[in-house]
């Protein structure tokens, strides 16, 4: 059985899009601590893969159609890089916005604690829970003199 890459690549792209939507809905919270920003690029990256799967189809079209296709690919690649490196707030799930309101040293302590146990998932179900967690971690951090 031979794999058809013109079908396989768009399916891979669809998987990226679906995982990106699932993450955007606030699920797979553990991915946030592991990948940080790169997870936000899953949706545009998936669209890139979907379009790449149609390269053969578009390459046989009129030049202006093919150039438009290439331009769209370039735009999506740039968007993927941008969203992965500097995700806009509207892309981030609410619980991440709550975490990012706190200083970097608190966020770092949260990341360390999230690696130790899964208790943190219950702490990010509300803004008050995140704030309480941040206060608890702030008390544990060494004080500057």
C-alpha atoms as a PDB file:
ATOM      1  CA  UNK A   1       0.000   0.000   0.000  1.00  0.00           C
ATOM      2  CA  UNK A   2       1.463   3.312  -1.081  1.00  0.00           C
ATOM      3  CA  UNK A   3       0.747   6.499   0.837  1.00  0.00           C
ATOM      4  CA  UNK A   4      -0.734   9.385  -1.109  1.00  0.00           C
ATOM      5  CA  UNK A   5       1.057  12.464   0.220  1.00  0.00           C
ATOM      6  CA  UNK A   6      -1.510  14.712  -1.436  1.00  0.00           C
ATOM      7  CA  UNK A   7      -4.004  13.198   1.015  1.00  0.00           C
ATOM      8  CA  UNK A   8      -1.711  12.555   3.976  1.00  0.00           C
ATOM      9  CA  UNK A   9      -0.363  16.100   4.283  1.00  0.00           C
ATOM     10  CA  UNK A  10      -3.830  17.768   4.395  1.00  0.00           C
ATOM     11  CA  UNK A  11      -4.922  15.158   6.967  1.00  0.00           C
ATOM     12  CA  UNK A  12      -1.899  16.063   9.079  1.00  0.00           C
ATOM     13  CA  UNK A  13      -2.864  19.715   8.667  1.00  0.00           C
ATOM     14  CA  UNK A  14      -6.426  18.993   9.752  1.00  0.00           C
ATOM     15  CA  UNK A  15      -5.049  17.250  12.836  1.00  0.00           C
ATOM     16  CA  UNK A  16      -2.984  20.351  13.703  1.00  0.00           C
ATOM     17  CA  UNK A  17      -6.032  22.586  13.236  1.00  0.00           C
ATOM     18  CA  UNK A  18      -8.211  20.365  15.439  1.00  0.00           C
ATOM     19  CA  UNK A  19      -5.563  20.141  18.174  1.00  0.00           C
ATOM     20  CA  UNK A  20      -5.113  23.924  17.971  1.00  0.00           C
ATOM     21  CA  UNK A  21      -8.855  24.482  18.373  1.00  0.00           C
ATOM     22  CA  UNK A  22      -8.969  21.992  21.251  1.00  0.00           C
ATOM     23  CA  UNK A  23      -6.123  23.842  22.994  1.00  0.00           C
ATOM     24  CA  UNK A  24      -7.739  27.227  22.281  1.00  0.00           C
ATOM     25  CA  UNK A  25     -10.886  25.973  24.015  1.00  0.00           C
ATOM     26  CA  UNK A  26      -8.798  25.673  27.196  1.00  0.00           C
ATOM     27  CA  UNK A  27      -8.141  21.944  27.047  1.00  0.00           C
ATOM     28  CA  UNK A  28      -4.771  20.182  27.200  1.00  0.00           C
ATOM     29  CA  UNK A  29      -3.577  22.645  29.815  1.00  0.00           C
ATOM     30  CA  UNK A  30      -0.356  20.676  30.391  1.00  0.00           C
ATOM     31  CA  UNK A  31       0.786  21.608  26.857  1.00  0.00           C
ATOM     32  CA  UNK A  32       0.988  25.259  27.953  1.00  0.00           C
ATOM     33  CA  UNK A  33       3.807  24.579  30.401  1.00  0.00           C
ATOM     34  CA  UNK A  34       5.772  22.443  27.953  1.00  0.00           C
ATOM     35  CA  UNK A  35       5.521  24.447  24.732  1.00  0.00           C
ATOM     36  CA  UNK A  36       4.623  27.896  26.016  1.00  0.00           C
ATOM     37  CA  UNK A  37       3.860  29.952  22.922  1.00  0.00           C
ATOM     38  CA  UNK A  38       4.438  27.509  20.081  1.00  0.00           C
ATOM     39  CA  UNK A  39       1.088  25.808  20.678  1.00  0.00           C
ATOM     40  CA  UNK A  40      -0.716  28.919  19.429  1.00  0.00           C
ATOM     41  CA  UNK A  41       0.709  28.394  15.948  1.00  0.00           C
ATOM     42  CA  UNK A  42      -0.960  25.005  15.491  1.00  0.00           C
ATOM     43  CA  UNK A  43      -4.004  26.364  13.644  1.00  0.00           C
ATOM     44  CA  UNK A  44      -2.174  28.427  10.992  1.00  0.00           C
ATOM     45  CA  UNK A  45       0.465  25.676  10.675  1.00  0.00           C
ATOM     46  CA  UNK A  46      -2.306  23.179  10.031  1.00  0.00           C
ATOM     47  CA  UNK A  47      -3.695  25.462   7.319  1.00  0.00           C
ATOM     48  CA  UNK A  48      -0.222  25.569   5.746  1.00  0.00           C
ATOM     49  CA  UNK A  49      -0.122  21.763   5.622  1.00  0.00           C
ATOM     50  CA  UNK A  50      -3.617  21.622   4.145  1.00  0.00           C
ATOM     51  CA  UNK A  51      -2.664  24.070   1.391  1.00  0.00           C
ATOM     52  CA  UNK A  52       0.663  22.334   0.695  1.00  0.00           C
ATOM     53  CA  UNK A  53      -1.313  19.188  -0.043  1.00  0.00           C
ATOM     54  CA  UNK A  54      -2.896  20.990  -2.991  1.00  0.00           C
ATOM     55  CA  UNK A  55       0.374  22.209  -4.512  1.00  0.00           C
ATOM     56  CA  UNK A  56       0.066  19.944  -7.547  1.00  0.00           C
ATOM     57  CA  UNK A  57      -3.458  21.157  -8.206  1.00  0.00           C
ATOM     58  CA  UNK A  58      -2.566  24.847  -7.963  1.00  0.00           C
ATOM     59  CA  UNK A  59       0.698  24.543  -9.895  1.00  0.00           C
ATOM     60  CA  UNK A  60      -1.245  23.515 -12.970  1.00  0.00           C
ATOM     61  CA  UNK A  61      -3.584  26.529 -12.759  1.00  0.00           C
ATOM     62  CA  UNK A  62      -3.188  29.905 -14.420  1.00  0.00           C
ATOM     63  CA  UNK A  63      -0.129  31.827 -13.177  1.00  0.00           C
ATOM     64  CA  UNK A  64      -2.155  34.434 -11.245  1.00  0.00           C
ATOM     65  CA  UNK A  65      -4.008  31.653  -9.384  1.00  0.00           C
ATOM     66  CA  UNK A  66      -0.742  29.901  -8.563  1.00  0.00           C
ATOM     67  CA  UNK A  67       0.861  33.155  -7.380  1.00  0.00           C
ATOM     68  CA  UNK A  68      -2.144  33.876  -5.187  1.00  0.00           C
ATOM     69  CA  UNK A  69      -1.789  30.373  -3.742  1.00  0.00           C
ATOM     70  CA  UNK A  70       1.931  30.946  -3.038  1.00  0.00           C
ATOM     71  CA  UNK A  71       1.155  34.349  -1.486  1.00  0.00           C
ATOM     72  CA  UNK A  72      -1.433  32.738   0.796  1.00  0.00           C
ATOM     73  CA  UNK A  73       1.103  30.097   1.835  1.00  0.00           C
ATOM     74  CA  UNK A  74       3.692  32.771   2.639  1.00  0.00           C
ATOM     75  CA  UNK A  75       1.144  34.771   4.651  1.00  0.00           C
ATOM     76  CA  UNK A  76       0.178  31.674   6.642  1.00  0.00           C
ATOM     77  CA  UNK A  77       3.828  30.777   7.338  1.00  0.00           C
ATOM     78  CA  UNK A  78       4.508  34.333   8.555  1.00  0.00           C
ATOM     79  CA  UNK A  79       1.329  34.201  10.651  1.00  0.00           C
ATOM     80  CA  UNK A  80       2.421  30.867  12.143  1.00  0.00           C
ATOM     81  CA  UNK A  81       5.801  32.284  13.150  1.00  0.00           C
ATOM     82  CA  UNK A  82       4.256  35.469  14.538  1.00  0.00           C
ATOM     83  CA  UNK A  83       1.502  33.730  16.516  1.00  0.00           C
ATOM     84  CA  UNK A  84       4.011  31.202  17.878  1.00  0.00           C
ATOM     85  CA  UNK A  85       6.444  33.875  19.034  1.00  0.00           C
ATOM     86  CA  UNK A  86       4.093  36.691  20.086  1.00  0.00           C
ATOM     87  CA  UNK A  87       0.572  35.320  20.478  1.00  0.00           C
ATOM     88  CA  UNK A  88      -2.105  38.015  20.548  1.00  0.00           C
ATOM     89  CA  UNK A  89      -4.414  38.014  23.567  1.00  0.00           C
ATOM     90  CA  UNK A  90      -7.507  37.021  21.601  1.00  0.00           C
ATOM     91  CA  UNK A  91      -5.872  33.661  20.811  1.00  0.00           C
ATOM     92  CA  UNK A  92      -5.019  32.796  24.409  1.00  0.00           C
ATOM     93  CA  UNK A  93      -7.475  30.859  26.567  1.00  0.00           C
ATOM     94  CA  UNK A  94      -8.749  32.851  29.538  1.00  0.00           C
ATOM     95  CA  UNK A  95      -6.867  30.829  32.140  1.00  0.00           C
ATOM     96  CA  UNK A  96      -3.557  31.702  30.460  1.00  0.00           C
ATOM     97  CA  UNK A  97      -4.412  35.407  30.577  1.00  0.00           C
ATOM     98  CA  UNK A  98      -5.034  35.021  34.324  1.00  0.00           C
ATOM     99  CA  UNK A  99      -1.595  33.439  34.789  1.00  0.00           C
ATOM    100  CA  UNK A 100       0.178  36.025  32.648  1.00  0.00           C
ATOM    101  CA  UNK A 101      -1.135  38.877  34.822  1.00  0.00           C
ATOM    102  CA  UNK A 102       1.349  37.801  37.489  1.00  0.00           C
ATOM    103  CA  UNK A 103       5.085  38.609  37.549  1.00  0.00           C
ATOM    104  CA  UNK A 104       7.492  36.348  35.673  1.00  0.00           C
ATOM    105  CA  UNK A 105       8.977  34.924  38.889  1.00  0.00           C
ATOM    106  CA  UNK A 106       5.488  33.785  39.957  1.00  0.00           C
ATOM    107  CA  UNK A 107       4.826  32.304  36.512  1.00  0.00           C
ATOM    108  CA  UNK A 108       8.136  30.440  36.730  1.00  0.00           C
ATOM    109  CA  UNK A 109       7.171  29.069  40.150  1.00  0.00           C
ATOM    110  CA  UNK A 110       3.808  28.014  38.702  1.00  0.00           C
ATOM    111  CA  UNK A 111       5.581  26.178  35.876  1.00  0.00           C
ATOM    112  CA  UNK A 112       7.829  24.358  38.341  1.00  0.00           C
ATOM    113  CA  UNK A 113       4.873  23.359  40.508  1.00  0.00           C
ATOM    114  CA  UNK A 114       2.914  22.233  37.447  1.00  0.00           C
ATOM    115  CA  UNK A 115       5.773  19.855  36.598  1.00  0.00           C
ATOM    116  CA  UNK A 116       5.620  18.328  40.076  1.00  0.00           C
ATOM    117  CA  UNK A 117       1.910  17.479  40.299  1.00  0.00           C
ATOM    118  CA  UNK A 118      -1.431  17.859  38.555  1.00  0.00           C
ATOM    119  CA  UNK A 119      -3.042  19.803  41.402  1.00  0.00           C
ATOM    120  CA  UNK A 120      -2.457  23.041  39.497  1.00  0.00           C
ATOM    121  CA  UNK A 121      -5.218  22.168  36.999  1.00  0.00           C
ATOM    122  CA  UNK A 122      -7.845  22.776  39.684  1.00  0.00           C
ATOM    123  CA  UNK A 123      -6.226  26.116  40.552  1.00  0.00           C
ATOM    124  CA  UNK A 124      -6.706  27.542  37.054  1.00  0.00           C
ATOM    125  CA  UNK A 125     -10.453  27.031  36.813  1.00  0.00           C
ATOM    126  CA  UNK A 126     -11.134  30.569  38.042  1.00  0.00           C
ATOM    127  CA  UNK A 127      -9.310  33.865  38.241  1.00  0.00           C
ATOM    128  CA  UNK A 128      -9.640  33.820  42.035  1.00  0.00           C
ATOM    129  CA  UNK A 129      -8.019  30.368  42.074  1.00  0.00           C
ATOM    130  CA  UNK A 130      -5.078  31.583  39.997  1.00  0.00           C
ATOM    131  CA  UNK A 131      -4.681  34.660  42.207  1.00  0.00           C
ATOM    132  CA  UNK A 132      -4.752  32.518  45.368  1.00  0.00           C
ATOM    133  CA  UNK A 133      -2.167  30.174  43.859  1.00  0.00           C
ATOM    134  CA  UNK A 134       0.046  33.151  42.958  1.00  0.00           C
ATOM    135  CA  UNK A 135      -0.189  34.535  46.510  1.00  0.00           C
ATOM    136  CA  UNK A 136       0.680  31.132  47.954  1.00  0.00           C
ATOM    137  CA  UNK A 137       3.720  30.849  45.686  1.00  0.00           C
ATOM    138  CA  UNK A 138       4.782  34.439  46.429  1.00  0.00           C
ATOM    139  CA  UNK A 139       4.921  33.592  50.140  1.00  0.00           C
ATOM    140  CA  UNK A 140       7.164  30.598  49.394  1.00  0.00           C
ATOM    141  CA  UNK A 141       9.631  32.564  47.249  1.00  0.00           C
ATOM    142  CA  UNK A 142      12.725  33.932  48.992  1.00  0.00           C
ATOM    143  CA  UNK A 143      12.481  37.611  49.840  1.00  0.00           C
ATOM    144  CA  UNK A 144      15.017  40.098  48.426  1.00  0.00           C
ATOM    145  CA  UNK A 145      16.986  42.089  50.985  1.00  0.00           C
END
